[in-house]
């Protein structure tokens, strides 16, 4: 298995894989409909989307974590 020290990269990989899969399928169907070659259209779109999504998530995720920290407030323990 992969070492836990690589958590951020592995998380980014799977997030990019799943999000690019879902979004490229939805956008492909939206743009061309359920045509006979939708699978090949979608796989081509998915491969391109993943190539863009993975490095984007790796680069953007630290900024997103900071934004989330700004939006959420810390709860104080009253124990």
PDB file of N, CA and C in Angstrom:
ATOM      1  N   UNK A   1       0.829  -1.197   0.000  1.00  0.00           N
ATOM      2  CA  UNK A   1       0.000   0.000   0.000  1.00  0.00           C
ATOM      3  C   UNK A   1       0.869   1.254   0.000  1.00  0.00           C
ATOM      4  N   UNK A   2       0.222   2.369  -0.201  1.00  0.00           N
ATOM      5  CA  UNK A   2       0.919   3.655  -0.277  1.00  0.00           C
ATOM      6  C   UNK A   2       1.031   4.255   1.125  1.00  0.00           C
ATOM      7  N   UNK A   3       2.147   4.877   1.388  1.00  0.00           N
ATOM      8  CA  UNK A   3       2.401   5.486   2.693  1.00  0.00           C
ATOM      9  C   UNK A   3       1.415   6.621   2.967  1.00  0.00           C
ATOM     10  N   UNK A   4       0.973   6.753   4.223  1.00  0.00           N
ATOM     11  CA  UNK A   4       0.060   7.845   4.594  1.00  0.00           C
ATOM     12  C   UNK A   4       0.633   9.244   4.341  1.00  0.00           C
ATOM     13  N   UNK A   5       1.946   9.366   4.229  1.00  0.00           N
ATOM     14  CA  UNK A   5       2.526  10.691   3.975  1.00  0.00           C
ATOM     15  C   UNK A   5       2.134  11.227   2.594  1.00  0.00           C
ATOM     16  N   UNK A   6       1.648  10.346   1.725  1.00  0.00           N
ATOM     17  CA  UNK A   6       1.218  10.750   0.381  1.00  0.00           C
ATOM     18  C   UNK A   6      -0.298  10.965   0.310  1.00  0.00           C
ATOM     19  N   UNK A   7      -0.922  11.152   1.452  1.00  0.00           N
ATOM     20  CA  UNK A   7      -2.383  11.268   1.529  1.00  0.00           C
ATOM     21  C   UNK A   7      -2.929  12.343   0.590  1.00  0.00           C
ATOM     22  N   UNK A   8      -2.327  13.518   0.589  1.00  0.00           N
ATOM     23  CA  UNK A   8      -2.856  14.631  -0.222  1.00  0.00           C
ATOM     24  C   UNK A   8      -2.819  14.323  -1.718  1.00  0.00           C
ATOM     25  N   UNK A   9      -1.740  13.713  -2.181  1.00  0.00           N
ATOM     26  CA  UNK A   9      -1.625  13.395  -3.608  1.00  0.00           C
ATOM     27  C   UNK A   9      -2.592  12.273  -3.987  1.00  0.00           C
ATOM     28  N   UNK A  10      -2.707  11.264  -3.136  1.00  0.00           N
ATOM     29  CA  UNK A  10      -3.628  10.155  -3.414  1.00  0.00           C
ATOM     30  C   UNK A  10      -5.071  10.650  -3.381  1.00  0.00           C
ATOM     31  N   UNK A  11      -5.396  11.482  -2.395  1.00  0.00           N
ATOM     32  CA  UNK A  11      -6.732  12.071  -2.330  1.00  0.00           C
ATOM     33  C   UNK A  11      -7.019  12.883  -3.591  1.00  0.00           C
ATOM     34  N   UNK A  12      -6.065  13.699  -3.998  1.00  0.00           N
ATOM     35  CA  UNK A  12      -6.231  14.522  -5.203  1.00  0.00           C
ATOM     36  C   UNK A  12      -6.426  13.656  -6.442  1.00  0.00           C
ATOM     37  N   UNK A  13      -5.682  12.558  -6.529  1.00  0.00           N
ATOM     38  CA  UNK A  13      -5.801  11.651  -7.665  1.00  0.00           C
ATOM     39  C   UNK A  13      -7.214  11.093  -7.767  1.00  0.00           C
ATOM     40  N   UNK A  14      -7.721  10.551  -6.657  1.00  0.00           N
ATOM     41  CA  UNK A  14      -9.062   9.947  -6.693  1.00  0.00           C
ATOM     42  C   UNK A  14     -10.156  10.992  -6.854  1.00  0.00           C
ATOM     43  N   UNK A  15      -9.987  12.165  -6.263  1.00  0.00           N
ATOM     44  CA  UNK A  15     -10.967  13.230  -6.435  1.00  0.00           C
ATOM     45  C   UNK A  15     -11.018  13.643  -7.904  1.00  0.00           C
ATOM     46  N   UNK A  16      -9.859  13.828  -8.517  1.00  0.00           N
ATOM     47  CA  UNK A  16      -9.800  14.203  -9.931  1.00  0.00           C
ATOM     48  C   UNK A  16     -10.372  13.097 -10.810  1.00  0.00           C
ATOM     49  N   UNK A  17     -10.052  11.863 -10.498  1.00  0.00           N
ATOM     50  CA  UNK A  17     -10.542  10.729 -11.285  1.00  0.00           C
ATOM     51  C   UNK A  17     -12.068  10.667 -11.266  1.00  0.00           C
ATOM     52  N   UNK A  18     -12.645  10.729 -10.085  1.00  0.00           N
ATOM     53  CA  UNK A  18     -14.101  10.596  -9.967  1.00  0.00           C
ATOM     54  C   UNK A  18     -14.847  11.832 -10.471  1.00  0.00           C
ATOM     55  N   UNK A  19     -14.372  13.011 -10.120  1.00  0.00           N
ATOM     56  CA  UNK A  19     -15.055  14.222 -10.569  1.00  0.00           C
ATOM     57  C   UNK A  19     -14.961  14.399 -12.082  1.00  0.00           C
ATOM     58  N   UNK A  20     -13.790  14.141 -12.651  1.00  0.00           N
ATOM     59  CA  UNK A  20     -13.660  14.269 -14.105  1.00  0.00           C
ATOM     60  C   UNK A  20     -14.500  13.222 -14.822  1.00  0.00           C
ATOM     61  N   UNK A  21     -14.615  12.034 -14.230  1.00  0.00           N
ATOM     62  CA  UNK A  21     -15.462  10.977 -14.800  1.00  0.00           C
ATOM     63  C   UNK A  21     -16.913  11.419 -14.851  1.00  0.00           C
ATOM     64  N   UNK A  22     -17.424  11.846 -13.726  1.00  0.00           N
ATOM     65  CA  UNK A  22     -18.833  12.231 -13.630  1.00  0.00           C
ATOM     66  C   UNK A  22     -19.134  13.460 -14.484  1.00  0.00           C
ATOM     67  N   UNK A  23     -18.316  14.497 -14.339  1.00  0.00           N
ATOM     68  CA  UNK A  23     -18.584  15.737 -15.056  1.00  0.00           C
ATOM     69  C   UNK A  23     -18.433  15.578 -16.570  1.00  0.00           C
ATOM     70  N   UNK A  24     -17.422  14.845 -17.010  1.00  0.00           N
ATOM     71  CA  UNK A  24     -17.247  14.671 -18.456  1.00  0.00           C
ATOM     72  C   UNK A  24     -18.398  13.868 -19.045  1.00  0.00           C
ATOM     73  N   UNK A  25     -18.922  12.896 -18.293  1.00  0.00           N
ATOM     74  CA  UNK A  25     -20.067  12.137 -18.792  1.00  0.00           C
ATOM     75  C   UNK A  25     -21.308  13.021 -18.898  1.00  0.00           C
ATOM     76  N   UNK A  26     -21.583  13.758 -17.846  1.00  0.00           N
ATOM     77  CA  UNK A  26     -22.761  14.637 -17.836  1.00  0.00           C
ATOM     78  C   UNK A  26     -22.675  15.681 -18.952  1.00  0.00           C
ATOM     79  N   UNK A  27     -21.524  16.294 -19.101  1.00  0.00           N
ATOM     80  CA  UNK A  27     -21.370  17.329 -20.127  1.00  0.00           C
ATOM     81  C   UNK A  27     -21.427  16.724 -21.527  1.00  0.00           C
ATOM     82  N   UNK A  28     -20.847  15.543 -21.701  1.00  0.00           N
ATOM     83  CA  UNK A  28     -20.904  14.881 -23.013  1.00  0.00           C
ATOM     84  C   UNK A  28     -22.347  14.562 -23.394  1.00  0.00           C
ATOM     85  N   UNK A  29     -23.108  14.000 -22.463  1.00  0.00           N
ATOM     86  CA  UNK A  29     -24.514  13.677 -22.742  1.00  0.00           C
ATOM     87  C   UNK A  29     -25.306  14.960 -22.984  1.00  0.00           C
ATOM     88  N   UNK A  30     -25.044  15.989 -22.210  1.00  0.00           N
ATOM     89  CA  UNK A  30     -25.732  17.269 -22.393  1.00  0.00           C
ATOM     90  C   UNK A  30     -25.466  17.843 -23.787  1.00  0.00           C
ATOM     91  N   UNK A  31     -24.208  17.765 -24.232  1.00  0.00           N
ATOM     92  CA  UNK A  31     -23.824  18.371 -25.510  1.00  0.00           C
ATOM     93  C   UNK A  31     -24.262  17.566 -26.732  1.00  0.00           C
ATOM     94  N   UNK A  32     -24.157  16.236 -26.682  1.00  0.00           N
ATOM     95  CA  UNK A  32     -24.451  15.443 -27.881  1.00  0.00           C
ATOM     96  C   UNK A  32     -25.617  14.473 -27.709  1.00  0.00           C
ATOM     97  N   UNK A  33     -26.098  14.299 -26.479  1.00  0.00           N
ATOM     98  CA  UNK A  33     -27.186  13.357 -26.227  1.00  0.00           C
ATOM     99  C   UNK A  33     -26.675  11.932 -26.119  1.00  0.00           C
ATOM    100  N   UNK A  34     -27.605  11.006 -25.960  1.00  0.00           N
ATOM    101  CA  UNK A  34     -27.233   9.600 -25.830  1.00  0.00           C
ATOM    102  C   UNK A  34     -27.111   8.967 -27.217  1.00  0.00           C
ATOM    103  N   UNK A  35     -26.099   9.394 -27.960  1.00  0.00           N
ATOM    104  CA  UNK A  35     -25.849   8.873 -29.298  1.00  0.00           C
ATOM    105  C   UNK A  35     -25.159   7.515 -29.194  1.00  0.00           C
ATOM    106  N   UNK A  36     -25.071   6.813 -30.316  1.00  0.00           N
ATOM    107  CA  UNK A  36     -24.514   5.458 -30.285  1.00  0.00           C
ATOM    108  C   UNK A  36     -23.050   5.406 -29.859  1.00  0.00           C
ATOM    109  N   UNK A  37     -22.279   6.435 -30.158  1.00  0.00           N
ATOM    110  CA  UNK A  37     -20.855   6.427 -29.787  1.00  0.00           C
ATOM    111  C   UNK A  37     -20.552   7.294 -28.561  1.00  0.00           C
ATOM    112  N   UNK A  38     -21.533   7.436 -27.675  1.00  0.00           N
ATOM    113  CA  UNK A  38     -21.353   8.288 -26.495  1.00  0.00           C
ATOM    114  C   UNK A  38     -20.212   7.788 -25.614  1.00  0.00           C
ATOM    115  N   UNK A  39     -20.013   6.485 -25.555  1.00  0.00           N
ATOM    116  CA  UNK A  39     -18.946   5.957 -24.697  1.00  0.00           C
ATOM    117  C   UNK A  39     -17.573   6.420 -25.187  1.00  0.00           C
ATOM    118  N   UNK A  40     -17.331   6.354 -26.483  1.00  0.00           N
ATOM    119  CA  UNK A  40     -16.033   6.800 -26.996  1.00  0.00           C
ATOM    120  C   UNK A  40     -15.873   8.319 -26.855  1.00  0.00           C
ATOM    121  N   UNK A  41     -16.952   9.063 -27.065  1.00  0.00           N
ATOM    122  CA  UNK A  41     -16.911  10.522 -26.874  1.00  0.00           C
ATOM    123  C   UNK A  41     -16.596  10.830 -25.415  1.00  0.00           C
ATOM    124  N   UNK A  42     -17.285  10.136 -24.502  1.00  0.00           N
ATOM    125  CA  UNK A  42     -17.090  10.369 -23.077  1.00  0.00           C
ATOM    126  C   UNK A  42     -15.678   9.986 -22.623  1.00  0.00           C
ATOM    127  N   UNK A  43     -15.167   8.841 -23.075  1.00  0.00           N
ATOM    128  CA  UNK A  43     -13.822   8.419 -22.666  1.00  0.00           C
ATOM    129  C   UNK A  43     -12.751   9.387 -23.153  1.00  0.00           C
ATOM    130  N   UNK A  44     -12.944   9.923 -24.343  1.00  0.00           N
ATOM    131  CA  UNK A  44     -11.993  10.917 -24.849  1.00  0.00           C
ATOM    132  C   UNK A  44     -12.074  12.193 -24.002  1.00  0.00           C
ATOM    133  N   UNK A  45     -13.282  12.623 -23.692  1.00  0.00           N
ATOM    134  CA  UNK A  45     -13.459  13.814 -22.852  1.00  0.00           C
ATOM    135  C   UNK A  45     -12.926  13.570 -21.447  1.00  0.00           C
ATOM    136  N   UNK A  46     -13.147  12.370 -20.906  1.00  0.00           N
ATOM    137  CA  UNK A  46     -12.694  12.040 -19.559  1.00  0.00           C
ATOM    138  C   UNK A  46     -11.173  12.070 -19.472  1.00  0.00           C
ATOM    139  N   UNK A  47     -10.507  11.492 -20.453  1.00  0.00           N
ATOM    140  CA  UNK A  47      -9.040  11.479 -20.401  1.00  0.00           C
ATOM    141  C   UNK A  47      -8.486  12.912 -20.426  1.00  0.00           C
ATOM    142  N   UNK A  48      -9.059  13.759 -21.256  1.00  0.00           N
ATOM    143  CA  UNK A  48      -8.621  15.160 -21.302  1.00  0.00           C
ATOM    144  C   UNK A  48      -8.944  15.871 -19.986  1.00  0.00           C
ATOM    145  N   UNK A  49     -10.136  15.648 -19.471  1.00  0.00           N
ATOM    146  CA  UNK A  49     -10.554  16.298 -18.227  1.00  0.00           C
ATOM    147  C   UNK A  49      -9.666  15.887 -17.053  1.00  0.00           C
ATOM    148  N   UNK A  50      -9.299  14.608 -16.990  1.00  0.00           N
ATOM    149  CA  UNK A  50      -8.460  14.143 -15.893  1.00  0.00           C
ATOM    150  C   UNK A  50      -7.071  14.777 -15.954  1.00  0.00           C
ATOM    151  N   UNK A  51      -6.523  14.912 -17.152  1.00  0.00           N
ATOM    152  CA  UNK A  51      -5.204  15.525 -17.320  1.00  0.00           C
ATOM    153  C   UNK A  51      -5.203  16.959 -16.787  1.00  0.00           C
ATOM    154  N   UNK A  52      -6.320  17.644 -16.919  1.00  0.00           N
ATOM    155  CA  UNK A  52      -6.444  19.006 -16.402  1.00  0.00           C
ATOM    156  C   UNK A  52      -6.789  18.995 -14.905  1.00  0.00           C
ATOM    157  N   UNK A  53      -7.684  18.100 -14.502  1.00  0.00           N
ATOM    158  CA  UNK A  53      -8.213  18.092 -13.135  1.00  0.00           C
ATOM    159  C   UNK A  53      -7.169  17.735 -12.087  1.00  0.00           C
ATOM    160  N   UNK A  54      -6.337  16.735 -12.341  1.00  0.00           N
ATOM    161  CA  UNK A  54      -5.401  16.273 -11.310  1.00  0.00           C
ATOM    162  C   UNK A  54      -4.407  17.357 -10.888  1.00  0.00           C
ATOM    163  N   UNK A  55      -3.661  17.950 -11.810  1.00  0.00           N
ATOM    164  CA  UNK A  55      -2.746  19.005 -11.338  1.00  0.00           C
ATOM    165  C   UNK A  55      -3.477  20.221 -10.779  1.00  0.00           C
ATOM    166  N   UNK A  56      -4.671  20.506 -11.298  1.00  0.00           N
ATOM    167  CA  UNK A  56      -5.439  21.629 -10.780  1.00  0.00           C
ATOM    168  C   UNK A  56      -5.809  21.394  -9.325  1.00  0.00           C
ATOM    169  N   UNK A  57      -6.269  20.202  -8.987  1.00  0.00           N
ATOM    170  CA  UNK A  57      -6.633  19.900  -7.601  1.00  0.00           C
ATOM    171  C   UNK A  57      -5.409  19.943  -6.697  1.00  0.00           C
ATOM    172  N   UNK A  58      -4.288  19.414  -7.163  1.00  0.00           N
ATOM    173  CA  UNK A  58      -3.064  19.445  -6.356  1.00  0.00           C
ATOM    174  C   UNK A  58      -2.666  20.894  -6.046  1.00  0.00           C
ATOM    175  N   UNK A  59      -2.788  21.766  -7.035  1.00  0.00           N
ATOM    176  CA  UNK A  59      -2.385  23.168  -6.866  1.00  0.00           C
ATOM    177  C   UNK A  59      -3.406  23.961  -6.063  1.00  0.00           C
ATOM    178  N   UNK A  60      -4.683  23.749  -6.312  1.00  0.00           N
ATOM    179  CA  UNK A  60      -5.753  24.554  -5.726  1.00  0.00           C
ATOM    180  C   UNK A  60      -6.140  24.122  -4.311  1.00  0.00           C
ATOM    181  N   UNK A  61      -5.955  22.852  -3.969  1.00  0.00           N
ATOM    182  CA  UNK A  61      -6.460  22.355  -2.684  1.00  0.00           C
ATOM    183  C   UNK A  61      -5.931  23.109  -1.461  1.00  0.00           C
ATOM    184  N   UNK A  62      -4.659  23.545  -1.395  1.00  0.00           N
ATOM    185  CA  UNK A  62      -4.247  24.326  -0.221  1.00  0.00           C
ATOM    186  C   UNK A  62      -5.037  25.624  -0.070  1.00  0.00           C
ATOM    187  N   UNK A  63      -5.349  26.275  -1.187  1.00  0.00           N
ATOM    188  CA  UNK A  63      -6.146  27.503  -1.124  1.00  0.00           C
ATOM    189  C   UNK A  63      -7.573  27.204  -0.662  1.00  0.00           C
ATOM    190  N   UNK A  64      -8.117  26.090  -1.117  1.00  0.00           N
ATOM    191  CA  UNK A  64      -9.472  25.710  -0.710  1.00  0.00           C
ATOM    192  C   UNK A  64      -9.505  25.407   0.784  1.00  0.00           C
ATOM    193  N   UNK A  65      -8.475  24.735   1.296  1.00  0.00           N
ATOM    194  CA  UNK A  65      -8.415  24.461   2.739  1.00  0.00           C
ATOM    195  C   UNK A  65      -8.388  25.761   3.540  1.00  0.00           C
ATOM    196  N   UNK A  66      -7.658  26.756   3.056  1.00  0.00           N
ATOM    197  CA  UNK A  66      -7.615  28.055   3.743  1.00  0.00           C
ATOM    198  C   UNK A  66      -8.973  28.751   3.695  1.00  0.00           C
ATOM    199  N   UNK A  67      -9.645  28.695   2.544  1.00  0.00           N
ATOM    200  CA  UNK A  67     -10.979  29.285   2.432  1.00  0.00           C
ATOM    201  C   UNK A  67     -11.970  28.612   3.375  1.00  0.00           C
ATOM    202  N   UNK A  68     -11.897  27.290   3.463  1.00  0.00           N
ATOM    203  CA  UNK A  68     -12.782  26.551   4.363  1.00  0.00           C
ATOM    204  C   UNK A  68     -12.514  26.966   5.812  1.00  0.00           C
ATOM    205  N   UNK A  69     -11.248  27.117   6.157  1.00  0.00           N
ATOM    206  CA  UNK A  69     -10.900  27.551   7.515  1.00  0.00           C
ATOM    207  C   UNK A  69     -11.440  28.936   7.828  1.00  0.00           C
ATOM    208  N   UNK A  70     -11.467  29.810   6.826  1.00  0.00           N
ATOM    209  CA  UNK A  70     -12.008  31.153   7.038  1.00  0.00           C
ATOM    210  C   UNK A  70     -13.523  31.139   7.220  1.00  0.00           C
ATOM    211  N   UNK A  71     -14.186  30.244   6.532  1.00  0.00           N
ATOM    212  CA  UNK A  71     -15.648  30.187   6.559  1.00  0.00           C
ATOM    213  C   UNK A  71     -16.161  29.471   7.805  1.00  0.00           C
ATOM    214  N   UNK A  72     -15.476  28.431   8.225  1.00  0.00           N
ATOM    215  CA  UNK A  72     -15.924  27.667   9.392  1.00  0.00           C
ATOM    216  C   UNK A  72     -15.343  28.257  10.670  1.00  0.00           C
ATOM    217  N   UNK A  73     -16.123  28.208  11.707  1.00  0.00           N
ATOM    218  CA  UNK A  73     -15.603  28.669  12.983  1.00  0.00           C
ATOM    219  C   UNK A  73     -15.270  27.455  13.847  1.00  0.00           C
ATOM    220  N   UNK A  74     -14.262  27.627  14.682  1.00  0.00           N
ATOM    221  CA  UNK A  74     -13.867  26.542  15.572  1.00  0.00           C
ATOM    222  C   UNK A  74     -14.841  26.462  16.728  1.00  0.00           C
ATOM    223  N   UNK A  75     -15.181  25.241  17.097  1.00  0.00           N
ATOM    224  CA  UNK A  75     -16.040  25.039  18.250  1.00  0.00           C
ATOM    225  C   UNK A  75     -15.145  24.835  19.482  1.00  0.00           C
ATOM    226  N   UNK A  76     -15.545  25.472  20.564  1.00  0.00           N
ATOM    227  CA  UNK A  76     -14.766  25.339  21.795  1.00  0.00           C
ATOM    228  C   UNK A  76     -15.318  24.177  22.609  1.00  0.00           C
ATOM    229  N   UNK A  77     -14.401  23.383  23.153  1.00  0.00           N
ATOM    230  CA  UNK A  77     -14.821  22.276  24.032  1.00  0.00           C
ATOM    231  C   UNK A  77     -15.125  22.832  25.412  1.00  0.00           C
ATOM    232  N   UNK A  78     -16.268  22.497  25.932  1.00  0.00           N
ATOM    233  CA  UNK A  78     -16.661  22.940  27.270  1.00  0.00           C
ATOM    234  C   UNK A  78     -16.555  21.799  28.252  1.00  0.00           C
ATOM    235  N   UNK A  79     -15.528  20.973  28.118  1.00  0.00           N
ATOM    236  CA  UNK A  79     -15.394  19.847  29.031  1.00  0.00           C
ATOM    237  C   UNK A  79     -14.506  20.160  30.180  1.00  0.00           C
TER     238      UNK A  79
END
